[in-house]
Amino acid sequence: MRTKTPTVSEGAVYAPDLPGGTIRLDTPAWFSWLEAPTTTSFAYPLFDATRGYIRGFMTVRKDRRRRGSAYWSVFRRAGGGMRRVYIGRSVAVTGARLQAIARTLCGAV
């Protein structure tokens, strides 16, 4: 059974399985959600401010290390290749950090 990928929009993550359907970024609930074993990825929009629309999405994915700890990375397919940007542990996945990565990737597309 496939479920809809959680998506960030206007400072909150939206998913049908979330309590109330949304969680605001950078809140204790956000960081708890990121740490949950069932949270493995979400989509973040690449908004092009010069054109005024979303150019696509980057995938933010949680990976596990051999010793059991987890870290987050951003993936974006563009120009026939795959870009990967390391974020770090869940505490580093903030709205400001995601926005900075999105701006960088939007300019590189």
PDB file of N, CA and C in Angstrom:
ATOM      1  N   MET A   1       0.834  -1.175   0.000  1.00  0.00           N
ATOM      2  CA  MET A   1       0.000   0.000   0.000  1.00  0.00           C
ATOM      3  C   MET A   1       0.886   1.248   0.000  1.00  0.00           C
ATOM      4  N   ARG A   2       0.674   2.111  -0.934  1.00  0.00           N
ATOM      5  CA  ARG A   2       1.468   3.326  -1.053  1.00  0.00           C
ATOM      6  C   ARG A   2       0.726   4.479  -0.387  1.00  0.00           C
ATOM      7  N   THR A   3       1.464   5.267   0.373  1.00  0.00           N
ATOM      8  CA  THR A   3       0.881   6.433   1.019  1.00  0.00           C
ATOM      9  C   THR A   3       1.444   7.689   0.376  1.00  0.00           C
ATOM     10  N   LYS A   4       0.759   8.784   0.558  1.00  0.00           N
ATOM     11  CA  LYS A   4       1.208  10.055   0.000  1.00  0.00           C
ATOM     12  C   LYS A   4       2.433  10.555   0.754  1.00  0.00           C
ATOM     13  N   THR A   5       3.427  11.023   0.018  1.00  0.00           N
ATOM     14  CA  THR A   5       4.646  11.550   0.614  1.00  0.00           C
ATOM     15  C   THR A   5       4.335  12.838   1.369  1.00  0.00           C
ATOM     16  N   PRO A   6       4.776  12.956   2.615  1.00  0.00           N
ATOM     17  CA  PRO A   6       4.597  14.223   3.325  1.00  0.00           C
ATOM     18  C   PRO A   6       5.279  15.352   2.549  1.00  0.00           C
ATOM     19  N   THR A   7       4.637  16.505   2.506  1.00  0.00           N
ATOM     20  CA  THR A   7       5.137  17.641   1.737  1.00  0.00           C
ATOM     21  C   THR A   7       5.147  18.896   2.592  1.00  0.00           C
ATOM     22  N   VAL A   8       6.207  19.681   2.482  1.00  0.00           N
ATOM     23  CA  VAL A   8       6.315  20.946   3.200  1.00  0.00           C
ATOM     24  C   VAL A   8       5.734  22.048   2.326  1.00  0.00           C
ATOM     25  N   SER A   9       4.927  22.902   2.940  1.00  0.00           N
ATOM     26  CA  SER A   9       4.361  24.058   2.258  1.00  0.00           C
ATOM     27  C   SER A   9       4.060  25.128   3.290  1.00  0.00           C
ATOM     28  N   GLU A  10       4.490  26.343   3.015  1.00  0.00           N
ATOM     29  CA  GLU A  10       4.210  27.500   3.865  1.00  0.00           C
ATOM     30  C   GLU A  10       4.553  27.253   5.334  1.00  0.00           C
ATOM     31  N   GLY A  11       5.719  26.670   5.583  1.00  0.00           N
ATOM     32  CA  GLY A  11       6.209  26.522   6.943  1.00  0.00           C
ATOM     33  C   GLY A  11       5.649  25.373   7.744  1.00  0.00           C
ATOM     34  N   ALA A  12       5.000  24.419   7.067  1.00  0.00           N
ATOM     35  CA  ALA A  12       4.451  23.260   7.764  1.00  0.00           C
ATOM     36  C   ALA A  12       4.559  22.034   6.867  1.00  0.00           C
ATOM     37  N   VAL A  13       4.615  20.869   7.492  1.00  0.00           N
ATOM     38  CA  VAL A  13       4.607  19.628   6.733  1.00  0.00           C
ATOM     39  C   VAL A  13       3.182  19.089   6.767  1.00  0.00           C
ATOM     40  N   TYR A  14       2.719  18.636   5.597  1.00  0.00           N
ATOM     41  CA  TYR A  14       1.360  18.121   5.447  1.00  0.00           C
ATOM     42  C   TYR A  14       1.419  16.644   5.078  1.00  0.00           C
ATOM     43  N   ALA A  15       0.635  15.836   5.804  1.00  0.00           N
ATOM     44  CA  ALA A  15       0.520  14.412   5.501  1.00  0.00           C
ATOM     45  C   ALA A  15      -0.768  13.911   6.135  1.00  0.00           C
ATOM     46  N   PRO A  16      -1.442  12.967   5.474  1.00  0.00           N
ATOM     47  CA  PRO A  16      -2.711  12.481   6.009  1.00  0.00           C
ATOM     48  C   PRO A  16      -2.582  11.755   7.345  1.00  0.00           C
ATOM     49  N   ASP A  17      -1.434  11.156   7.629  1.00  0.00           N
ATOM     50  CA  ASP A  17      -1.294  10.393   8.870  1.00  0.00           C
ATOM     51  C   ASP A  17      -0.829  11.227  10.060  1.00  0.00           C
ATOM     52  N   LEU A  18      -0.629  12.524   9.879  1.00  0.00           N
ATOM     53  CA  LEU A  18      -0.216  13.398  10.978  1.00  0.00           C
ATOM     54  C   LEU A  18      -1.426  13.798  11.814  1.00  0.00           C
ATOM     55  N   PRO A  19      -1.220  13.998  13.121  1.00  0.00           N
ATOM     56  CA  PRO A  19      -2.329  14.478  13.950  1.00  0.00           C
ATOM     57  C   PRO A  19      -2.727  15.885  13.505  1.00  0.00           C
ATOM     58  N   GLY A  20      -3.955  16.051  13.095  1.00  0.00           N
ATOM     59  CA  GLY A  20      -4.418  17.336  12.587  1.00  0.00           C
ATOM     60  C   GLY A  20      -4.006  17.597  11.154  1.00  0.00           C
ATOM     61  N   GLY A  21      -3.237  16.694  10.564  1.00  0.00           N
ATOM     62  CA  GLY A  21      -2.832  16.819   9.173  1.00  0.00           C
ATOM     63  C   GLY A  21      -1.586  17.645   8.919  1.00  0.00           C
ATOM     64  N   THR A  22      -1.151  18.464   9.915  1.00  0.00           N
ATOM     65  CA  THR A  22       0.022  19.321   9.712  1.00  0.00           C
ATOM     66  C   THR A  22       0.873  19.407  10.975  1.00  0.00           C
ATOM     67  N   ILE A  23       2.135  19.743  10.762  1.00  0.00           N
ATOM     68  CA  ILE A  23       3.052  20.074  11.852  1.00  0.00           C
ATOM     69  C   ILE A  23       3.875  21.266  11.380  1.00  0.00           C
ATOM     70  N   ARG A  24       3.958  22.302  12.197  1.00  0.00           N
ATOM     71  CA  ARG A  24       4.763  23.487  11.868  1.00  0.00           C
ATOM     72  C   ARG A  24       6.242  23.145  11.956  1.00  0.00           C
ATOM     73  N   LEU A  25       7.034  23.687  11.042  1.00  0.00           N
ATOM     74  CA  LEU A  25       8.483  23.488  11.064  1.00  0.00           C
ATOM     75  C   LEU A  25       9.093  24.175  12.286  1.00  0.00           C
ATOM     76  N   ASP A  26      10.210  23.643  12.753  1.00  0.00           N
ATOM     77  CA  ASP A  26      11.002  24.206  13.848  1.00  0.00           C
ATOM     78  C   ASP A  26      10.287  24.213  15.200  1.00  0.00           C
ATOM     79  N   THR A  27       9.302  23.367  15.365  1.00  0.00           N
ATOM     80  CA  THR A  27       8.629  23.213  16.654  1.00  0.00           C
ATOM     81  C   THR A  27       9.090  21.899  17.280  1.00  0.00           C
ATOM     82  N   PRO A  28       8.866  21.715  18.573  1.00  0.00           N
ATOM     83  CA  PRO A  28       9.213  20.425  19.178  1.00  0.00           C
ATOM     84  C   PRO A  28       8.507  19.242  18.481  1.00  0.00           C
ATOM     85  N   ALA A  29       7.276  19.454  18.025  1.00  0.00           N
ATOM     86  CA  ALA A  29       6.556  18.386  17.319  1.00  0.00           C
ATOM     87  C   ALA A  29       7.259  18.035  16.007  1.00  0.00           C
ATOM     88  N   TRP A  30       7.826  19.022  15.328  1.00  0.00           N
ATOM     89  CA  TRP A  30       8.569  18.813  14.082  1.00  0.00           C
ATOM     90  C   TRP A  30       9.778  17.916  14.327  1.00  0.00           C
ATOM     91  N   PHE A  31      10.567  18.256  15.330  1.00  0.00           N
ATOM     92  CA  PHE A  31      11.767  17.475  15.611  1.00  0.00           C
ATOM     93  C   PHE A  31      11.427  16.069  16.104  1.00  0.00           C
ATOM     94  N   SER A  32      10.337  15.935  16.852  1.00  0.00           N
ATOM     95  CA  SER A  32       9.876  14.604  17.274  1.00  0.00           C
ATOM     96  C   SER A  32       9.457  13.777  16.069  1.00  0.00           C
ATOM     97  N   TRP A  33       8.775  14.423  15.125  1.00  0.00           N
ATOM     98  CA  TRP A  33       8.340  13.727  13.912  1.00  0.00           C
ATOM     99  C   TRP A  33       9.550  13.268  13.094  1.00  0.00           C
ATOM    100  N   LEU A  34      10.565  14.118  12.990  1.00  0.00           N
ATOM    101  CA  LEU A  34      11.778  13.752  12.248  1.00  0.00           C
ATOM    102  C   LEU A  34      12.489  12.559  12.895  1.00  0.00           C
ATOM    103  N   GLU A  35      12.477  12.490  14.219  1.00  0.00           N
ATOM    104  CA  GLU A  35      13.142  11.413  14.945  1.00  0.00           C
ATOM    105  C   GLU A  35      12.361  10.101  14.920  1.00  0.00           C
ATOM    106  N   ALA A  36      11.078  10.153  14.619  1.00  0.00           N
ATOM    107  CA  ALA A  36      10.245   8.940  14.632  1.00  0.00           C
ATOM    108  C   ALA A  36      10.776   7.909  13.634  1.00  0.00           C
ATOM    109  N   PRO A  37      10.790   6.629  14.012  1.00  0.00           N
ATOM    110  CA  PRO A  37      11.293   5.594  13.102  1.00  0.00           C
ATOM    111  C   PRO A  37      10.476   5.460  11.813  1.00  0.00           C
ATOM    112  N   THR A  38       9.221   5.873  11.849  1.00  0.00           N
ATOM    113  CA  THR A  38       8.372   5.761  10.661  1.00  0.00           C
ATOM    114  C   THR A  38       8.589   6.904   9.668  1.00  0.00           C
ATOM    115  N   THR A  39       9.249   7.968  10.095  1.00  0.00           N
ATOM    116  CA  THR A  39       9.530   9.094   9.205  1.00  0.00           C
ATOM    117  C   THR A  39      10.819   8.805   8.452  1.00  0.00           C
ATOM    118  N   THR A  40      10.701   8.665   7.132  1.00  0.00           N
ATOM    119  CA  THR A  40      11.868   8.339   6.315  1.00  0.00           C
ATOM    120  C   THR A  40      12.160   9.382   5.246  1.00  0.00           C
ATOM    121  N   SER A  41      11.156  10.160   4.837  1.00  0.00           N
ATOM    122  CA  SER A  41      11.396  11.173   3.811  1.00  0.00           C
ATOM    123  C   SER A  41      10.229  12.147   3.743  1.00  0.00           C
ATOM    124  N   PHE A  42      10.489  13.276   3.078  1.00  0.00           N
ATOM    125  CA  PHE A  42       9.432  14.238   2.771  1.00  0.00           C
ATOM    126  C   PHE A  42       9.891  15.080   1.590  1.00  0.00           C
ATOM    127  N   ALA A  43       8.967  15.782   0.979  1.00  0.00           N
ATOM    128  CA  ALA A  43       9.262  16.623  -0.183  1.00  0.00           C
ATOM    129  C   ALA A  43       9.255  18.092   0.236  1.00  0.00           C
ATOM    130  N   TYR A  44      10.164  18.860  -0.375  1.00  0.00           N
ATOM    131  CA  TYR A  44      10.269  20.291  -0.096  1.00  0.00           C
ATOM    132  C   TYR A  44      10.272  21.023  -1.435  1.00  0.00           C
ATOM    133  N   PRO A  45       9.423  22.067  -1.595  1.00  0.00           N
ATOM    134  CA  PRO A  45       9.327  22.742  -2.895  1.00  0.00           C
ATOM    135  C   PRO A  45      10.534  23.612  -3.214  1.00  0.00           C
ATOM    136  N   LEU A  46      10.856  23.680  -4.495  1.00  0.00           N
ATOM    137  CA  LEU A  46      11.902  24.572  -4.993  1.00  0.00           C
ATOM    138  C   LEU A  46      11.191  25.759  -5.639  1.00  0.00           C
ATOM    139  N   PHE A  47      11.008  26.822  -4.864  1.00  0.00           N
ATOM    140  CA  PHE A  47      10.290  28.004  -5.327  1.00  0.00           C
ATOM    141  C   PHE A  47      11.258  28.955  -6.007  1.00  0.00           C
ATOM    142  N   ASP A  48      10.946  29.314  -7.227  1.00  0.00           N
ATOM    143  CA  ASP A  48      11.762  30.265  -7.995  1.00  0.00           C
ATOM    144  C   ASP A  48      11.152  31.652  -7.824  1.00  0.00           C
ATOM    145  N   ALA A  49      11.763  32.462  -6.971  1.00  0.00           N
ATOM    146  CA  ALA A  49      11.232  33.790  -6.664  1.00  0.00           C
ATOM    147  C   ALA A  49      11.262  34.716  -7.875  1.00  0.00           C
ATOM    148  N   THR A  50      12.224  34.533  -8.775  1.00  0.00           N
ATOM    149  CA  THR A  50      12.309  35.412  -9.944  1.00  0.00           C
ATOM    150  C   THR A  50      11.166  35.155 -10.915  1.00  0.00           C
ATOM    151  N   ARG A  51      10.688  33.937 -10.960  1.00  0.00           N
ATOM    152  CA  ARG A  51       9.584  33.600 -11.863  1.00  0.00           C
ATOM    153  C   ARG A  51       8.243  33.494 -11.152  1.00  0.00           C
ATOM    154  N   GLY A  52       8.274  33.322  -9.828  1.00  0.00           N
ATOM    155  CA  GLY A  52       7.040  33.306  -9.052  1.00  0.00           C
ATOM    156  C   GLY A  52       6.306  31.978  -9.021  1.00  0.00           C
ATOM    157  N   TYR A  53       7.003  30.878  -9.236  1.00  0.00           N
ATOM    158  CA  TYR A  53       6.331  29.579  -9.159  1.00  0.00           C
ATOM    159  C   TYR A  53       7.296  28.497  -8.692  1.00  0.00           C
ATOM    160  N   ILE A  54       6.729  27.340  -8.356  1.00  0.00           N
ATOM    161  CA  ILE A  54       7.518  26.201  -7.900  1.00  0.00           C
ATOM    162  C   ILE A  54       8.077  25.476  -9.118  1.00  0.00           C
ATOM    163  N   ARG A  55       9.394  25.291  -9.147  1.00  0.00           N
ATOM    164  CA  ARG A  55      10.059  24.628 -10.280  1.00  0.00           C
ATOM    165  C   ARG A  55      10.110  23.118 -10.116  1.00  0.00           C
ATOM    166  N   GLY A  56       9.868  22.638  -8.937  1.00  0.00           N
ATOM    167  CA  GLY A  56       9.939  21.212  -8.662  1.00  0.00           C
ATOM    168  C   GLY A  56      10.081  20.988  -7.176  1.00  0.00           C
ATOM    169  N   PHE A  57      10.492  19.787  -6.816  1.00  0.00           N
ATOM    170  CA  PHE A  57      10.644  19.437  -5.414  1.00  0.00           C
ATOM    171  C   PHE A  57      11.977  18.747  -5.192  1.00  0.00           C
ATOM    172  N   MET A  58      12.517  18.929  -4.001  1.00  0.00           N
ATOM    173  CA  MET A  58      13.677  18.153  -3.589  1.00  0.00           C
ATOM    174  C   MET A  58      13.177  17.142  -2.564  1.00  0.00           C
ATOM    175  N   THR A  59      13.786  15.981  -2.557  1.00  0.00           N
ATOM    176  CA  THR A  59      13.432  14.944  -1.607  1.00  0.00           C
ATOM    177  C   THR A  59      14.409  14.985  -0.451  1.00  0.00           C
ATOM    178  N   VAL A  60      13.887  15.037   0.757  1.00  0.00           N
ATOM    179  CA  VAL A  60      14.706  15.019   1.957  1.00  0.00           C
ATOM    180  C   VAL A  60      14.537  13.629   2.567  1.00  0.00           C
ATOM    181  N   ARG A  61      15.636  12.906   2.683  1.00  0.00           N
ATOM    182  CA  ARG A  61      15.564  11.498   3.079  1.00  0.00           C
ATOM    183  C   ARG A  61      16.456  11.200   4.282  1.00  0.00           C
ATOM    184  N   LYS A  62      15.928  10.346   5.169  1.00  0.00           N
ATOM    185  CA  LYS A  62      16.688   9.911   6.339  1.00  0.00           C
ATOM    186  C   LYS A  62      17.396   8.606   6.002  1.00  0.00           C
ATOM    187  N   ASP A  63      18.698   8.562   6.278  1.00  0.00           N
ATOM    188  CA  ASP A  63      19.497   7.357   6.070  1.00  0.00           C
ATOM    189  C   ASP A  63      20.067   6.924   7.407  1.00  0.00           C
ATOM    190  N   ARG A  64      20.322   5.641   7.518  1.00  0.00           N
ATOM    191  CA  ARG A  64      20.885   5.084   8.752  1.00  0.00           C
ATOM    192  C   ARG A  64      22.367   4.786   8.570  1.00  0.00           C
ATOM    193  N   ARG A  65      23.108   5.004   9.615  1.00  0.00           N
ATOM    194  CA  ARG A  65      24.526   4.634   9.622  1.00  0.00           C
ATOM    195  C   ARG A  65      24.671   3.250  10.238  1.00  0.00           C
ATOM    196  N   ARG A  66      25.820   2.657  10.067  1.00  0.00           N
ATOM    197  CA  ARG A  66      26.061   1.313  10.585  1.00  0.00           C
ATOM    198  C   ARG A  66      25.891   1.219  12.091  1.00  0.00           C
ATOM    199  N   ARG A  67      26.264   2.250  12.796  1.00  0.00           N
ATOM    200  CA  ARG A  67      26.179   2.230  14.262  1.00  0.00           C
ATOM    201  C   ARG A  67      24.786   2.558  14.783  1.00  0.00           C
ATOM    202  N   GLY A  68      23.828   2.738  13.904  1.00  0.00           N
ATOM    203  CA  GLY A  68      22.449   2.954  14.329  1.00  0.00           C
ATOM    204  C   GLY A  68      21.953   4.382  14.300  1.00  0.00           C
ATOM    205  N   SER A  69      22.838   5.368  14.224  1.00  0.00           N
ATOM    206  CA  SER A  69      22.367   6.750  14.182  1.00  0.00           C
ATOM    207  C   SER A  69      21.811   7.077  12.790  1.00  0.00           C
ATOM    208  N   ALA A  70      21.020   8.122  12.732  1.00  0.00           N
ATOM    209  CA  ALA A  70      20.405   8.518  11.461  1.00  0.00           C
ATOM    210  C   ALA A  70      20.855   9.922  11.079  1.00  0.00           C
ATOM    211  N   TYR A  71      20.856  10.195   9.780  1.00  0.00           N
ATOM    212  CA  TYR A  71      21.172  11.532   9.280  1.00  0.00           C
ATOM    213  C   TYR A  71      20.273  11.816   8.078  1.00  0.00           C
ATOM    214  N   TRP A  72      20.135  13.089   7.758  1.00  0.00           N
ATOM    215  CA  TRP A  72      19.266  13.536   6.677  1.00  0.00           C
ATOM    216  C   TRP A  72      20.096  14.085   5.519  1.00  0.00           C
ATOM    217  N   SER A  73      19.620  13.823   4.297  1.00  0.00           N
ATOM    218  CA  SER A  73      20.236  14.342   3.081  1.00  0.00           C
ATOM    219  C   SER A  73      19.144  14.798   2.130  1.00  0.00           C
ATOM    220  N   VAL A  74      19.508  15.729   1.257  1.00  0.00           N
ATOM    221  CA  VAL A  74      18.598  16.223   0.222  1.00  0.00           C
ATOM    222  C   VAL A  74      19.031  15.633  -1.108  1.00  0.00           C
ATOM    223  N   PHE A  75      18.052  15.215  -1.904  1.00  0.00           N
ATOM    224  CA  PHE A  75      18.310  14.686  -3.234  1.00  0.00           C
ATOM    225  C   PHE A  75      17.481  15.463  -4.243  1.00  0.00           C
ATOM    226  N   ARG A  76      18.107  15.768  -5.381  1.00  0.00           N
ATOM    227  CA  ARG A  76      17.422  16.481  -6.463  1.00  0.00           C
ATOM    228  C   ARG A  76      17.984  16.010  -7.789  1.00  0.00           C
ATOM    229  N   ARG A  77      17.118  15.530  -8.648  1.00  0.00           N
ATOM    230  CA  ARG A  77      17.516  15.100  -9.984  1.00  0.00           C
ATOM    231  C   ARG A  77      17.423  16.306 -10.916  1.00  0.00           C
ATOM    232  N   ALA A  78      18.515  16.564 -11.639  1.00  0.00           N
ATOM    233  CA  ALA A  78      18.532  17.695 -12.580  1.00  0.00           C
ATOM    234  C   ALA A  78      19.613  17.464 -13.618  1.00  0.00           C
ATOM    235  N   GLY A  79      19.315  17.791 -14.845  1.00  0.00           N
ATOM    236  CA  GLY A  79      20.296  17.713 -15.923  1.00  0.00           C
ATOM    237  C   GLY A  79      20.876  16.330 -16.131  1.00  0.00           C
ATOM    238  N   GLY A  80      20.079  15.309 -15.937  1.00  0.00           N
ATOM    239  CA  GLY A  80      20.547  13.944 -16.144  1.00  0.00           C
ATOM    240  C   GLY A  80      21.377  13.388 -15.000  1.00  0.00           C
ATOM    241  N   GLY A  81      21.534  14.147 -13.943  1.00  0.00           N
ATOM    242  CA  GLY A  81      22.319  13.681 -12.801  1.00  0.00           C
ATOM    243  C   GLY A  81      21.543  13.824 -11.502  1.00  0.00           C
ATOM    244  N   MET A  82      22.177  13.377 -10.428  1.00  0.00           N
ATOM    245  CA  MET A  82      21.556  13.455  -9.110  1.00  0.00           C
ATOM    246  C   MET A  82      22.451  14.288  -8.200  1.00  0.00           C
ATOM    247  N   ARG A  83      21.873  15.314  -7.595  1.00  0.00           N
ATOM    248  CA  ARG A  83      22.602  16.128  -6.610  1.00  0.00           C
ATOM    249  C   ARG A  83      22.234  15.638  -5.232  1.00  0.00           C
ATOM    250  N   ARG A  84      23.216  15.585  -4.336  1.00  0.00           N
ATOM    251  CA  ARG A  84      22.975  15.192  -2.960  1.00  0.00           C
ATOM    252  C   ARG A  84      23.637  16.231  -2.060  1.00  0.00           C
ATOM    253  N   VAL A  85      22.877  16.690  -1.060  1.00  0.00           N
ATOM    254  CA  VAL A  85      23.383  17.654  -0.097  1.00  0.00           C
ATOM    255  C   VAL A  85      23.157  17.070   1.296  1.00  0.00           C
ATOM    256  N   TYR A  86      24.223  16.927   2.045  1.00  0.00           N
ATOM    257  CA  TYR A  86      24.157  16.398   3.402  1.00  0.00           C
ATOM    258  C   TYR A  86      23.632  17.476   4.342  1.00  0.00           C
ATOM    259  N   ILE A  87      22.655  17.126   5.185  1.00  0.00           N
ATOM    260  CA  ILE A  87      22.140  18.069   6.180  1.00  0.00           C
ATOM    261  C   ILE A  87      22.694  17.729   7.567  1.00  0.00           C
ATOM    262  N   GLY A  88      22.542  16.494   7.992  1.00  0.00           N
ATOM    263  CA  GLY A  88      23.008  16.090   9.310  1.00  0.00           C
ATOM    264  C   GLY A  88      21.899  15.444  10.112  1.00  0.00           C
ATOM    265  N   ARG A  89      22.035  15.481  11.418  1.00  0.00           N
ATOM    266  CA  ARG A  89      21.031  14.894  12.307  1.00  0.00           C
ATOM    267  C   ARG A  89      19.748  15.708  12.268  1.00  0.00           C
ATOM    268  N   SER A  90      18.717  15.177  12.888  1.00  0.00           N
ATOM    269  CA  SER A  90      17.393  15.805  12.851  1.00  0.00           C
ATOM    270  C   SER A  90      17.386  17.239  13.373  1.00  0.00           C
ATOM    271  N   VAL A  91      18.203  17.547  14.363  1.00  0.00           N
ATOM    272  CA  VAL A  91      18.221  18.914  14.907  1.00  0.00           C
ATOM    273  C   VAL A  91      18.709  19.936  13.891  1.00  0.00           C
ATOM    274  N   ALA A  92      19.407  19.491  12.844  1.00  0.00           N
ATOM    275  CA  ALA A  92      19.908  20.385  11.800  1.00  0.00           C
ATOM    276  C   ALA A  92      18.891  20.632  10.694  1.00  0.00           C
ATOM    277  N   VAL A  93      17.791  19.882  10.704  1.00  0.00           N
ATOM    278  CA  VAL A  93      16.765  20.011   9.660  1.00  0.00           C
ATOM    279  C   VAL A  93      15.787  21.105  10.099  1.00  0.00           C
ATOM    280  N   THR A  94      16.170  22.338   9.817  1.00  0.00           N
ATOM    281  CA  THR A  94      15.349  23.493  10.187  1.00  0.00           C
ATOM    282  C   THR A  94      14.772  24.128   8.924  1.00  0.00           C
ATOM    283  N   GLY A  95      13.771  24.954   9.115  1.00  0.00           N
ATOM    284  CA  GLY A  95      13.179  25.648   7.989  1.00  0.00           C
ATOM    285  C   GLY A  95      14.185  26.513   7.263  1.00  0.00           C
ATOM    286  N   ALA A  96      15.042  27.204   8.009  1.00  0.00           N
ATOM    287  CA  ALA A  96      16.050  28.080   7.395  1.00  0.00           C
ATOM    288  C   ALA A  96      17.056  27.266   6.580  1.00  0.00           C
ATOM    289  N   ARG A  97      17.486  26.133   7.107  1.00  0.00           N
ATOM    290  CA  ARG A  97      18.457  25.285   6.393  1.00  0.00           C
ATOM    291  C   ARG A  97      17.837  24.717   5.119  1.00  0.00           C
ATOM    292  N   LEU A  98      16.609  24.248   5.196  1.00  0.00           N
ATOM    293  CA  LEU A  98      15.933  23.709   4.012  1.00  0.00           C
ATOM    294  C   LEU A  98      15.740  24.798   2.960  1.00  0.00           C
ATOM    295  N   GLN A  99      15.384  25.995   3.400  1.00  0.00           N
ATOM    296  CA  GLN A  99      15.184  27.097   2.462  1.00  0.00           C
ATOM    297  C   GLN A  99      16.503  27.484   1.778  1.00  0.00           C
ATOM    298  N   ALA A 100      17.590  27.487   2.513  1.00  0.00           N
ATOM    299  CA  ALA A 100      18.893  27.814   1.932  1.00  0.00           C
ATOM    300  C   ALA A 100      19.312  26.776   0.890  1.00  0.00           C
ATOM    301  N   ILE A 101      19.100  25.503   1.195  1.00  0.00           N
ATOM    302  CA  ILE A 101      19.432  24.440   0.242  1.00  0.00           C
ATOM    303  C   ILE A 101      18.545  24.553  -0.996  1.00  0.00           C
ATOM    304  N   ALA A 102      17.261  24.832  -0.799  1.00  0.00           N
ATOM    305  CA  ALA A 102      16.335  24.971  -1.933  1.00  0.00           C
ATOM    306  C   ALA A 102      16.755  26.129  -2.833  1.00  0.00           C
ATOM    307  N   ARG A 103      17.168  27.258  -2.246  1.00  0.00           N
ATOM    308  CA  ARG A 103      17.620  28.385  -3.052  1.00  0.00           C
ATOM    309  C   ARG A 103      18.853  28.023  -3.870  1.00  0.00           C
ATOM    310  N   THR A 104      19.773  27.301  -3.250  1.00  0.00           N
ATOM    311  CA  THR A 104      20.991  26.871  -3.950  1.00  0.00           C
ATOM    312  C   THR A 104      20.656  25.936  -5.107  1.00  0.00           C
ATOM    313  N   LEU A 105      19.790  24.954  -4.848  1.00  0.00           N
ATOM    314  CA  LEU A 105      19.414  24.008  -5.894  1.00  0.00           C
ATOM    315  C   LEU A 105      18.595  24.654  -6.999  1.00  0.00           C
ATOM    316  N   CYS A 106      17.770  25.610  -6.646  1.00  0.00           N
ATOM    317  CA  CYS A 106      16.941  26.303  -7.641  1.00  0.00           C
ATOM    318  C   CYS A 106      17.827  27.112  -8.590  1.00  0.00           C
ATOM    319  N   GLY A 107      18.879  27.690  -8.045  1.00  0.00           N
ATOM    320  CA  GLY A 107      19.814  28.457  -8.880  1.00  0.00           C
ATOM    321  C   GLY A 107      20.685  27.571  -9.749  1.00  0.00           C
ATOM    322  N   ALA A 108      20.880  26.328  -9.325  1.00  0.00           N
ATOM    323  CA  ALA A 108      21.743  25.413 -10.067  1.00  0.00           C
ATOM    324  C   ALA A 108      21.014  24.664 -11.171  1.00  0.00           C
ATOM    325  N   VAL A 109      19.678  24.726 -11.168  1.00  0.00           N
ATOM    326  CA  VAL A 109      18.903  23.983 -12.173  1.00  0.00           C
ATOM    327  C   VAL A 109      18.905  24.705 -13.479  1.00  0.00           C
TER     328      VAL A 109
END
